[in-house]
C-alpha atoms as a PDB file:
ATOM      1  CA  MET A   1    -106.966 -28.763  35.948  1.00  0.00           C
ATOM      2  CA  LYS A   2    -104.461 -28.407  33.169  1.00  0.00           C
ATOM      3  CA  TYR A   3    -101.680 -28.646  35.418  1.00  0.00           C
ATOM      4  CA  TYR A   4    -102.779 -31.867  36.951  1.00  0.00           C
ATOM      5  CA  ILE A   5    -103.427 -33.599  33.222  1.00  0.00           C
ATOM      6  CA  PHE A   6     -99.923 -32.208  32.578  1.00  0.00           C
ATOM      7  CA  LEU A   7     -98.300 -34.238  35.288  1.00  0.00           C
ATOM      8  CA  PHE A   8    -100.794 -37.266  34.697  1.00  0.00           C
ATOM      9  CA  ASN A   9     -99.732 -37.618  30.920  1.00  0.00           C
ATOM     10  CA  ALA A  10     -95.991 -37.253  31.963  1.00  0.00           C
ATOM     11  CA  PHE A  11     -96.383 -39.727  34.499  1.00  0.00           C
ATOM     12  CA  ILE A  12     -97.814 -42.260  31.857  1.00  0.00           C
ATOM     13  CA  PHE A  13     -94.855 -41.532  29.415  1.00  0.00           C
ATOM     14  CA  LEU A  14     -92.271 -41.985  31.955  1.00  0.00           C
ATOM     15  CA  PHE A  15     -93.714 -45.310  33.286  1.00  0.00           C
ATOM     16  CA  SER A  16     -93.786 -46.500  29.749  1.00  0.00           C
ATOM     17  CA  PHE A  17     -90.430 -45.378  28.999  1.00  0.00           C
ATOM     18  CA  GLY A  18     -89.088 -47.291  31.956  1.00  0.00           C
ATOM     19  CA  ILE A  19     -90.722 -50.697  31.247  1.00  0.00           C
ATOM     20  CA  LYS A  20     -89.307 -50.489  27.469  1.00  0.00           C
ATOM     21  CA  ALA A  21     -85.737 -49.535  29.064  1.00  0.00           C
ATOM     22  CA  GLN A  22     -86.275 -52.709  30.953  1.00  0.00           C
ATOM     23  CA  ASN A  23     -86.890 -54.803  28.263  1.00  0.00           C
ATOM     24  CA  SER A  24     -83.952 -53.484  25.757  1.00  0.00           C
ATOM     25  CA  GLY A  25     -81.274 -55.973  27.184  1.00  0.00           C
ATOM     26  CA  ASN A  26     -84.042 -59.188  27.053  1.00  0.00           C
ATOM     27  CA  LEU A  27     -83.648 -61.053  23.771  1.00  0.00           C
ATOM     28  CA  VAL A  28     -86.681 -62.979  23.955  1.00  0.00           C
ATOM     29  CA  GLU A  29     -88.846 -59.868  25.621  1.00  0.00           C
ATOM     30  CA  THR A  30     -87.412 -57.307  22.945  1.00  0.00           C
ATOM     31  CA  ASN A  31     -88.360 -60.187  20.545  1.00  0.00           C
ATOM     32  CA  ARG A  32     -91.912 -60.117  22.007  1.00  0.00           C
ATOM     33  CA  ILE A  33     -92.553 -56.616  21.649  1.00  0.00           C
ATOM     34  CA  ASN A  34     -90.908 -56.545  17.639  1.00  0.00           C
ATOM     35  CA  SER A  35     -92.944 -59.327  16.964  1.00  0.00           C
ATOM     36  CA  MET A  36     -96.227 -58.069  18.158  1.00  0.00           C
ATOM     37  CA  GLY A  37     -96.676 -60.531  21.441  1.00  0.00           C
ATOM     38  CA  ASN A  38     -94.774 -63.387  19.735  1.00  0.00           C
ATOM     39  CA  ASN A  39     -91.994 -64.238  22.428  1.00  0.00           C
ATOM     40  CA  ARG A  40     -90.723 -67.476  20.285  1.00  0.00           C
ATOM     41  CA  PRO A  41     -87.033 -66.744  20.201  1.00  0.00           C
ATOM     42  CA  ASN A  42     -86.649 -69.030  17.388  1.00  0.00           C
ATOM     43  CA  GLN A  43     -87.650 -65.406  15.373  1.00  0.00           C
ATOM     44  CA  ILE A  44     -84.123 -64.137  16.001  1.00  0.00           C
ATOM     45  CA  MET A  45     -82.302 -67.462  16.849  1.00  0.00           C
ATOM     46  CA  THR A  46     -81.649 -71.178  15.359  1.00  0.00           C
ATOM     47  CA  ILE A  47     -80.982 -74.264  17.326  1.00  0.00           C
ATOM     48  CA  LYS A  48     -76.958 -75.624  16.991  1.00  0.00           C
ATOM     49  CA  LYS A  49     -76.964 -78.885  15.232  1.00  0.00           C
ATOM     50  CA  ASP A  50     -74.648 -81.348  16.626  1.00  0.00           C
ATOM     51  CA  TYR A  51     -72.137 -82.802  13.844  1.00  0.00           C
ATOM     52  CA  SER A  52     -69.865 -84.832  16.400  1.00  0.00           C
ATOM     53  CA  ASP A  53     -71.033 -87.976  15.046  1.00  0.00           C
ATOM     54  CA  VAL A  54     -70.927 -87.276  11.096  1.00  0.00           C
ATOM     55  CA  LYS A  55     -68.378 -89.547   9.566  1.00  0.00           C
ATOM     56  CA  ALA A  56     -65.582 -88.241   7.691  1.00  0.00           C
ATOM     57  CA  LYS A  57     -65.811 -88.861   3.743  1.00  0.00           C
ATOM     58  CA  GLY A  58     -63.096 -90.692   2.304  1.00  0.00           C
ATOM     59  CA  SER A  59     -60.662 -93.464   3.761  1.00  0.00           C
ATOM     60  CA  PRO A  60     -57.612 -93.270   6.188  1.00  0.00           C
ATOM     61  CA  TYR A  61     -56.587 -96.268   4.286  1.00  0.00           C
ATOM     62  CA  LEU A  62     -54.626 -96.593   1.324  1.00  0.00           C
ATOM     63  CA  ASN A  63     -56.450 -99.593   0.266  1.00  0.00           C
ATOM     64  CA  GLU A  64     -59.552 -99.978   2.195  1.00  0.00           C
ATOM     65  CA  ALA A  65     -60.127-103.745   1.723  1.00  0.00           C
ATOM     66  CA  TYR A  66     -57.538-106.292   2.967  1.00  0.00           C
ATOM     67  CA  VAL A  67     -55.066-107.476   0.698  1.00  0.00           C
ATOM     68  CA  LYS A  68     -53.104-110.336   0.371  1.00  0.00           C
ATOM     69  CA  GLY A  69     -49.782-109.832   1.241  1.00  0.00           C
ATOM     70  CA  THR A  70     -46.317-111.278   2.894  1.00  0.00           C
ATOM     71  CA  VAL A  71     -44.759-110.143   6.102  1.00  0.00           C
ATOM     72  CA  TYR A  72     -41.015-110.024   6.197  1.00  0.00           C
ATOM     73  CA  ILE A  73     -38.637-110.356   9.593  1.00  0.00           C
ATOM     74  CA  ASN A  74     -34.926-109.428   8.723  1.00  0.00           C
ATOM     75  CA  GLY A  75     -35.401-109.857   5.170  1.00  0.00           C
ATOM     76  CA  ASN A  76     -36.964-113.361   5.623  1.00  0.00           C
ATOM     77  CA  PRO A  77     -40.718-114.175   4.368  1.00  0.00           C
ATOM     78  CA  ASN A  78     -42.394-114.898   7.725  1.00  0.00           C
ATOM     79  CA  ASN A  79     -46.097-115.519   6.558  1.00  0.00           C
ATOM     80  CA  GLU A  80     -48.887-114.615   4.018  1.00  0.00           C
ATOM     81  CA  ALA A  81     -51.384-112.369   5.449  1.00  0.00           C
ATOM     82  CA  PHE A  82     -54.110-109.906   4.766  1.00  0.00           C
ATOM     83  CA  ILE A  83     -52.645-106.653   5.095  1.00  0.00           C
ATOM     84  CA  ARG A  84     -53.982-102.876   4.713  1.00  0.00           C
ATOM     85  CA  TYR A  85     -52.306 -99.823   5.594  1.00  0.00           C
ATOM     86  CA  ASN A  86     -53.378 -96.846   7.593  1.00  0.00           C
ATOM     87  CA  ALA A  87     -51.913 -93.796   5.684  1.00  0.00           C
ATOM     88  CA  HIS A  88     -53.262 -91.466   8.247  1.00  0.00           C
ATOM     89  CA  LEU A  89     -51.887 -93.010  11.452  1.00  0.00           C
ATOM     90  CA  ASP A  90     -49.211 -94.726   9.742  1.00  0.00           C
ATOM     91  CA  PHE A  91     -49.507 -98.433  10.537  1.00  0.00           C
ATOM     92  CA  ILE A  92     -50.161-101.613   9.061  1.00  0.00           C
ATOM     93  CA  GLU A  93     -53.237-103.904  10.025  1.00  0.00           C
ATOM     94  CA  VAL A  94     -53.091-107.635   9.780  1.00  0.00           C
ATOM     95  CA  LYS A  95     -56.025-109.953   9.430  1.00  0.00           C
ATOM     96  CA  GLU A  96     -55.885-113.576  10.585  1.00  0.00           C
ATOM     97  CA  GLY A  97     -59.368-114.966  10.617  1.00  0.00           C
ATOM     98  CA  ASN A  98     -61.784-112.564  12.816  1.00  0.00           C
ATOM     99  CA  GLN A  99     -58.939-110.988  14.669  1.00  0.00           C
ATOM    100  CA  VAL A 100     -56.833-107.719  13.565  1.00  0.00           C
ATOM    101  CA  TYR A 101     -53.399-107.121  14.410  1.00  0.00           C
ATOM    102  CA  GLN A 102     -51.228-103.672  14.167  1.00  0.00           C
ATOM    103  CA  LEU A 103     -48.060-104.867  13.067  1.00  0.00           C
ATOM    104  CA  PHE A 104     -45.094-103.473  14.897  1.00  0.00           C
ATOM    105  CA  ARG A 105     -43.273-100.489  13.875  1.00  0.00           C
ATOM    106  CA  ARG A 106     -40.028-102.056  13.506  1.00  0.00           C
ATOM    107  CA  PRO A 107     -37.342-101.548  10.780  1.00  0.00           C
ATOM    108  CA  ASN A 108     -36.631-105.464  10.363  1.00  0.00           C
ATOM    109  CA  ILE A 109     -40.017-106.032   9.820  1.00  0.00           C
ATOM    110  CA  TRP A 110     -41.737-105.365   6.414  1.00  0.00           C
ATOM    111  CA  VAL A 111     -44.688-106.401   4.247  1.00  0.00           C
ATOM    112  CA  GLU A 112     -45.103-106.454   0.529  1.00  0.00           C
ATOM    113  CA  MET A 113     -48.371-105.664  -1.138  1.00  0.00           C
ATOM    114  CA  ASN A 114     -49.796-105.134  -4.159  1.00  0.00           C
ATOM    115  CA  GLY A 115     -46.123-106.058  -5.769  1.00  0.00           C
ATOM    116  CA  LYS A 116     -44.472-103.173  -3.514  1.00  0.00           C
ATOM    117  CA  LYS A 117     -42.435-102.880  -0.389  1.00  0.00           C
ATOM    118  CA  LEU A 118     -43.396-101.088   2.830  1.00  0.00           C
ATOM    119  CA  GLY A 119     -41.190-100.763   5.587  1.00  0.00           C
ATOM    120  CA  ILE A 120     -39.937 -98.442   8.373  1.00  0.00           C
ATOM    121  CA  LEU A 121     -37.350 -95.930   7.481  1.00  0.00           C
ATOM    122  CA  GLU A 122     -35.277 -92.939   9.185  1.00  0.00           C
ATOM    123  CA  TYR A 123     -35.700 -89.818   6.827  1.00  0.00           C
ATOM    124  CA  LEU A 124     -35.683 -86.330   7.168  1.00  0.00           C
ATOM    125  CA  GLU A 125     -38.557 -83.469   6.601  1.00  0.00           C
ATOM    126  CA  ASN A 126     -38.048 -79.875   7.072  1.00  0.00           C
ATOM    127  CA  GLY A 127     -34.517 -80.632   8.553  1.00  0.00           C
ATOM    128  CA  GLU A 128     -36.036 -82.750  11.311  1.00  0.00           C
ATOM    129  CA  SER A 129     -35.287 -86.584  11.797  1.00  0.00           C
ATOM    130  CA  LYS A 130     -38.274 -88.914  11.815  1.00  0.00           C
ATOM    131  CA  SER A 131     -39.719 -92.461  10.849  1.00  0.00           C
ATOM    132  CA  GLY A 132     -42.244 -94.188   9.317  1.00  0.00           C
ATOM    133  CA  TYR A 133     -43.452 -96.016   6.558  1.00  0.00           C
ATOM    134  CA  LEU A 134     -41.766 -95.666   2.950  1.00  0.00           C
ATOM    135  CA  PHE A 135     -42.797 -97.059  -0.506  1.00  0.00           C
ATOM    136  CA  PRO A 136     -39.222 -97.650  -2.475  1.00  0.00           C
ATOM    137  CA  LEU A 137     -40.354 -96.488  -5.591  1.00  0.00           C
ATOM    138  CA  ALA A 138     -36.923 -96.906  -7.239  1.00  0.00           C
ATOM    139  CA  GLU A 139     -33.419 -98.270  -5.700  1.00  0.00           C
ATOM    140  CA  GLY A 140     -30.139 -98.224  -6.331  1.00  0.00           C
ATOM    141  CA  ALA A 141     -27.223 -95.277  -6.264  1.00  0.00           C
ATOM    142  CA  MET A 142     -29.966 -92.811  -6.580  1.00  0.00           C
ATOM    143  CA  SER A 143     -33.194 -94.170  -4.514  1.00  0.00           C
ATOM    144  CA  PHE A 144     -36.467 -92.405  -4.460  1.00  0.00           C
ATOM    145  CA  TYR A 145     -39.241 -92.978  -1.703  1.00  0.00           C
ATOM    146  CA  LYS A 146     -43.093 -92.328  -1.499  1.00  0.00           C
ATOM    147  CA  LYS A 147     -45.096 -91.823   1.796  1.00  0.00           C
ATOM    148  CA  PRO A 148     -48.925 -92.557   0.799  1.00  0.00           C
ATOM    149  CA  ALA A 149     -50.403 -90.041   3.639  1.00  0.00           C
ATOM    150  CA  ARG A 150     -53.793 -89.293   4.190  1.00  0.00           C
ATOM    151  CA  ARG A 151     -54.464 -86.043   5.793  1.00  0.00           C
ATOM    152  CA  LEU A 152     -58.251 -85.148   7.812  1.00  0.00           C
ATOM    153  CA  ILE A 153     -59.678 -81.741   7.226  1.00  0.00           C
ATOM    154  CA  ASP A 154     -61.905 -80.719   9.831  1.00  0.00           C
ATOM    155  CA  GLY A 155     -65.793 -80.098   8.983  1.00  0.00           C
ATOM    156  CA  LYS A 156     -66.613 -76.407   8.761  1.00  0.00           C
ATOM    157  CA  GLU A 157     -70.027 -75.872  10.349  1.00  0.00           C
ATOM    158  CA  PRO A 158     -72.394 -73.211   8.701  1.00  0.00           C
ATOM    159  CA  LYS A 159     -72.054 -69.789  10.203  1.00  0.00           C
ATOM    160  CA  SER A 160     -75.738 -68.824   9.295  1.00  0.00           C
ATOM    161  CA  GLY A 161     -78.976 -70.771   8.107  1.00  0.00           C
ATOM    162  CA  TYR A 162     -77.979 -70.069   4.291  1.00  0.00           C
ATOM    163  CA  ASP A 163     -74.819 -71.945   4.628  1.00  0.00           C
ATOM    164  CA  GLN A 164     -74.032 -75.590   3.852  1.00  0.00           C
ATOM    165  CA  TYR A 165     -72.142 -77.853   6.364  1.00  0.00           C
ATOM    166  CA  ILE A 166     -69.255 -79.448   4.993  1.00  0.00           C
ATOM    167  CA  PRO A 167     -68.423 -82.769   6.671  1.00  0.00           C
ATOM    168  CA  PRO A 168     -64.705 -83.621   7.562  1.00  0.00           C
ATOM    169  CA  ARG A 169     -62.872 -85.546   4.948  1.00  0.00           C
ATOM    170  CA  TYR A 170     -59.517 -87.488   4.264  1.00  0.00           C
ATOM    171  CA  VAL A 171     -57.627 -85.991   1.499  1.00  0.00           C
ATOM    172  CA  ASP A 172     -54.068 -87.194  -0.081  1.00  0.00           C
ATOM    173  CA  ASP A 173     -50.832 -85.561   1.165  1.00  0.00           C
ATOM    174  CA  HIS A 174     -48.117 -87.681  -0.672  1.00  0.00           C
ATOM    175  CA  ARG A 175     -44.586 -86.807   0.270  1.00  0.00           C
ATOM    176  CA  TYR A 176     -41.611 -88.028  -1.445  1.00  0.00           C
ATOM    177  CA  TYR A 177     -38.011 -88.838  -0.517  1.00  0.00           C
ATOM    178  CA  LEU A 178     -34.300 -88.926  -2.067  1.00  0.00           C
ATOM    179  CA  GLN A 179     -31.663 -90.901  -1.173  1.00  0.00           C
ATOM    180  CA  MET A 180     -28.302 -90.535  -2.941  1.00  0.00           C
ATOM    181  CA  ASN A 181     -25.905 -93.957  -2.268  1.00  0.00           C
ATOM    182  CA  ASP A 182     -26.044 -94.148   1.563  1.00  0.00           C
ATOM    183  CA  GLY A 183     -26.834 -90.677   2.556  1.00  0.00           C
ATOM    184  CA  PRO A 184     -29.728 -89.268   4.638  1.00  0.00           C
ATOM    185  CA  ILE A 185     -33.601 -90.188   2.968  1.00  0.00           C
ATOM    186  CA  THR A 186     -34.887 -86.232   2.601  1.00  0.00           C
ATOM    187  CA  GLU A 187     -37.898 -84.886   1.550  1.00  0.00           C
ATOM    188  CA  VAL A 188     -37.979 -83.060  -1.717  1.00  0.00           C
ATOM    189  CA  LYS A 189     -40.667 -81.161  -3.893  1.00  0.00           C
ATOM    190  CA  VAL A 190     -40.791 -82.628  -7.344  1.00  0.00           C
ATOM    191  CA  ASN A 191     -40.838 -80.234  -9.857  1.00  0.00           C
ATOM    192  CA  ASN A 192     -38.865 -78.989 -13.208  1.00  0.00           C
ATOM    193  CA  ARG A 193     -36.356 -77.217 -10.666  1.00  0.00           C
ATOM    194  CA  PHE A 194     -36.159 -80.581  -8.738  1.00  0.00           C
ATOM    195  CA  VAL A 195     -35.813 -82.700 -11.942  1.00  0.00           C
ATOM    196  CA  LYS A 196     -32.581 -80.462 -13.363  1.00  0.00           C
ATOM    197  CA  GLU A 197     -30.684 -80.521 -10.050  1.00  0.00           C
ATOM    198  CA  LEU A 198     -31.116 -84.205  -9.752  1.00  0.00           C
ATOM    199  CA  PHE A 199     -29.589 -84.889 -12.921  1.00  0.00           C
ATOM    200  CA  GLY A 200     -27.238 -82.181 -13.436  1.00  0.00           C
ATOM    201  CA  ALA A 201     -24.954 -82.210 -16.833  1.00  0.00           C
ATOM    202  CA  ASP A 202     -27.317 -85.384 -17.615  1.00  0.00           C
ATOM    203  CA  TYR A 203     -30.690 -83.723 -17.843  1.00  0.00           C
ATOM    204  CA  LYS A 204     -30.785 -83.407 -21.560  1.00  0.00           C
ATOM    205  CA  LYS A 205     -30.184 -86.815 -21.984  1.00  0.00           C
ATOM    206  CA  VAL A 206     -32.425 -88.030 -19.346  1.00  0.00           C
ATOM    207  CA  THR A 207     -35.452 -85.545 -20.922  1.00  0.00           C
ATOM    208  CA  GLU A 208     -34.713 -86.982 -24.364  1.00  0.00           C
ATOM    209  CA  TYR A 209     -35.229 -90.663 -23.080  1.00  0.00           C
ATOM    210  CA  ALA A 210     -38.266 -89.690 -21.280  1.00  0.00           C
ATOM    211  CA  LYS A 211     -39.431 -88.309 -24.585  1.00  0.00           C
ATOM    212  CA  THR A 212     -39.201 -91.320 -26.318  1.00  0.00           C
ATOM    213  CA  GLN A 213     -40.929 -93.153 -23.516  1.00  0.00           C
ATOM    214  CA  ASP A 214     -43.916 -90.659 -23.436  1.00  0.00           C
ATOM    215  CA  LEU A 215     -42.897 -89.935 -19.428  1.00  0.00           C
ATOM    216  CA  ASP A 216     -43.312 -87.025 -17.475  1.00  0.00           C
ATOM    217  CA  PRO A 217     -40.448 -86.045 -15.051  1.00  0.00           C
ATOM    218  CA  LYS A 218     -42.599 -84.183 -13.056  1.00  0.00           C
ATOM    219  CA  ASN A 219     -44.837 -86.838 -12.379  1.00  0.00           C
ATOM    220  CA  PRO A 220     -43.437 -88.886  -9.470  1.00  0.00           C
ATOM    221  CA  GLU A 221     -44.515 -91.969 -10.605  1.00  0.00           C
ATOM    222  CA  GLU A 222     -42.957 -91.353 -13.692  1.00  0.00           C
ATOM    223  CA  LEU A 223     -39.830 -89.929 -12.335  1.00  0.00           C
ATOM    224  CA  ALA A 224     -39.304 -93.455 -10.501  1.00  0.00           C
ATOM    225  CA  ALA A 225     -39.165 -95.181 -14.103  1.00  0.00           C
ATOM    226  CA  LEU A 226     -36.609 -92.702 -15.200  1.00  0.00           C
ATOM    227  CA  ILE A 227     -34.534 -93.086 -12.143  1.00  0.00           C
ATOM    228  CA  ASP A 228     -34.531 -96.870 -12.376  1.00  0.00           C
ATOM    229  CA  TRP A 229     -33.009 -96.307 -15.967  1.00  0.00           C
ATOM    230  CA  TYR A 230     -30.507 -93.916 -15.186  1.00  0.00           C
ATOM    231  CA  ASN A 231     -29.107 -96.431 -12.691  1.00  0.00           C
ATOM    232  CA  SER A 232     -28.969 -98.925 -14.844  1.00  0.00           C
ATOM    233  CA  LEU A 233     -26.732 -96.756 -17.405  1.00  0.00           C
END
C-alpha cells in the first residue's frame, strides 16, 4: 500500500513540475503565477509611447519672423521683399503677399537683411570644397565670414519609467571662415592660437588696440571689428 501511495505522490509532483516548465517561457503566464492569479502584462511591461509627432524645440530659422530686405541680382538691387533664412537647410525664403518662394541658390543672387549681406560662396571645410550661404563679417585684404548654421539634435526616448523624454531641438552650430586676398575661403577655429597666427608680428599691436576698444579677439564678432580696423591700416 505504501508503495502505491509513493507512486501516486511522485506522479503528482512530476505533473506539477511539467506545468511550471511549460509556463516558464511565457511572460504573461509566468506573470500570472507570480502575481497570484493576475495575468495583466503591464505588471512587467509598459506601453511604448509614440513621439514621432513631437515638435522640435527652437527654430531652424535665423530669424523666425520675416524681415524686410533687398534681393540683389548681379550686384544690382532687384526688389524689396520680406525675407528669412533657414539656417538648418541653408536656403532663403522670400514672402510676397501670402505666397512664399525659395530663392535660387546662385552666386549672382544675394540678399541684404538687417544691414547684412548673405550670398552663396564656395569655401573649404575640412579640406572639402562646398558652397553655401555665408555672411561677410569683415571684407578687405583679410576677409572674415560666418555661416549661421542650426543643427537638429534627435530626441531621446526614455529607457525606463523613471526616465524623462528629451524632445528634439535646434542648436546653434555657427562656423567661421577666413580668406586672405583672393585665396580660398577656408574654415577656421577662432581661438587664441588662431588669432596669434592670423596677425603674426602685429599680434601685440592688435591686442593693445583691442584693449583700448574693450574687444575680445577670441569672440568672432569682435574679431571681425579688429580685422576691419587692421584692413584700414
